[in-house]
Amino acid sequence: MRSNGKRVYALDSWTIEKKGRGWYISRTYAPATRLGPYGSEASACLMIARQLRKELARRDAHHSEPRI
């Protein structure tokens, strides 16, 4: 079944923090799951983008057409 309707998603929020060994990221409301260190703020931001893409794909999966 194909759905042509508009879909809007509120994705998780992330926090980025600079420490002595590099940049660290974590979900804003779950700071115990910190990822890193990353060598630059650009690398940390790209990892956040990858995580958001995974979340979007997971949440939108039931709207996708089956692959043949």
Protein backbone atom coordinates (compact mmCIF):
# COMPACT_ATOMS: atom_id res chain seq x y z
CA MET A 1 0.00 0.00 0.00
CA ARG A 2 1.35 3.38 -0.94
CA SER A 3 0.64 6.39 1.22
CA ASN A 4 0.91 9.76 -0.50
CA GLY A 5 0.05 11.72 2.64
CA LYS A 6 2.38 14.18 4.27
CA ARG A 7 4.47 12.76 7.12
CA VAL A 8 6.16 14.94 9.74
CA TYR A 9 8.54 13.56 12.36
CA ALA A 10 9.91 15.13 15.55
CA LEU A 11 13.35 13.53 15.84
CA ASP A 12 15.44 13.07 18.97
CA SER A 13 17.51 15.95 20.22
CA TRP A 14 21.24 15.58 20.68
CA THR A 15 23.87 17.31 22.80
CA ILE A 16 27.47 17.88 21.71
CA GLU A 17 30.23 18.56 24.23
CA LYS A 18 33.93 19.46 23.90
CA LYS A 19 36.21 17.74 26.41
CA GLY A 20 39.97 17.35 26.64
CA ARG A 21 40.17 14.28 24.38
CA GLY A 22 37.72 15.47 21.69
CA TRP A 23 34.05 15.98 20.92
CA TYR A 24 31.35 13.78 22.49
CA ILE A 25 27.69 13.41 21.57
CA SER A 26 24.72 12.06 23.50
CA ARG A 27 20.97 12.14 23.34
CA THR A 28 19.91 15.21 25.29
CA TYR A 29 17.72 13.33 27.75
CA ALA A 30 19.91 10.23 28.07
CA PRO A 31 23.42 11.55 28.83
CA ALA A 32 24.63 8.15 30.11
CA THR A 33 24.94 6.93 26.51
CA ARG A 34 27.75 9.21 25.35
CA LEU A 35 29.50 8.51 22.01
CA GLY A 36 32.96 9.68 21.08
CA PRO A 37 35.55 11.05 21.14
CA TYR A 38 35.43 12.58 17.68
CA GLY A 39 38.36 14.56 16.31
CA SER A 40 36.36 17.58 15.17
CA GLU A 41 32.97 19.19 15.60
CA ALA A 42 32.25 18.34 11.96
CA SER A 43 32.80 14.62 12.64
CA ALA A 44 30.55 14.77 15.69
CA CYS A 45 27.81 16.56 13.71
CA LEU A 46 28.04 14.00 10.91
CA MET A 47 27.57 11.20 13.44
CA ILE A 48 24.46 12.96 14.78
CA ALA A 49 23.17 13.20 11.21
CA ARG A 50 23.75 9.47 10.71
CA GLN A 51 21.90 8.68 13.93
CA LEU A 52 18.96 10.88 12.92
CA ARG A 53 18.86 9.20 9.49
CA LYS A 54 18.67 5.77 11.15
CA GLU A 55 15.85 6.97 13.38
CA LEU A 56 13.92 8.39 10.43
CA ALA A 57 14.35 5.20 8.39
CA ARG A 58 13.17 3.09 11.32
CA ARG A 59 10.12 5.22 11.99
CA ASP A 60 9.17 5.59 8.33
CA ALA A 61 9.68 1.92 7.43
CA HIS A 62 6.01 0.98 7.68
CA HIS A 63 5.12 3.67 5.09
CA SER A 64 7.63 2.43 2.53
CA GLU A 65 6.69 0.28 -0.41
CA PRO A 66 7.92 -3.31 -0.20
CA ARG A 67 11.07 -3.95 -2.21
CA ILE A 68 10.82 -6.64 -4.82
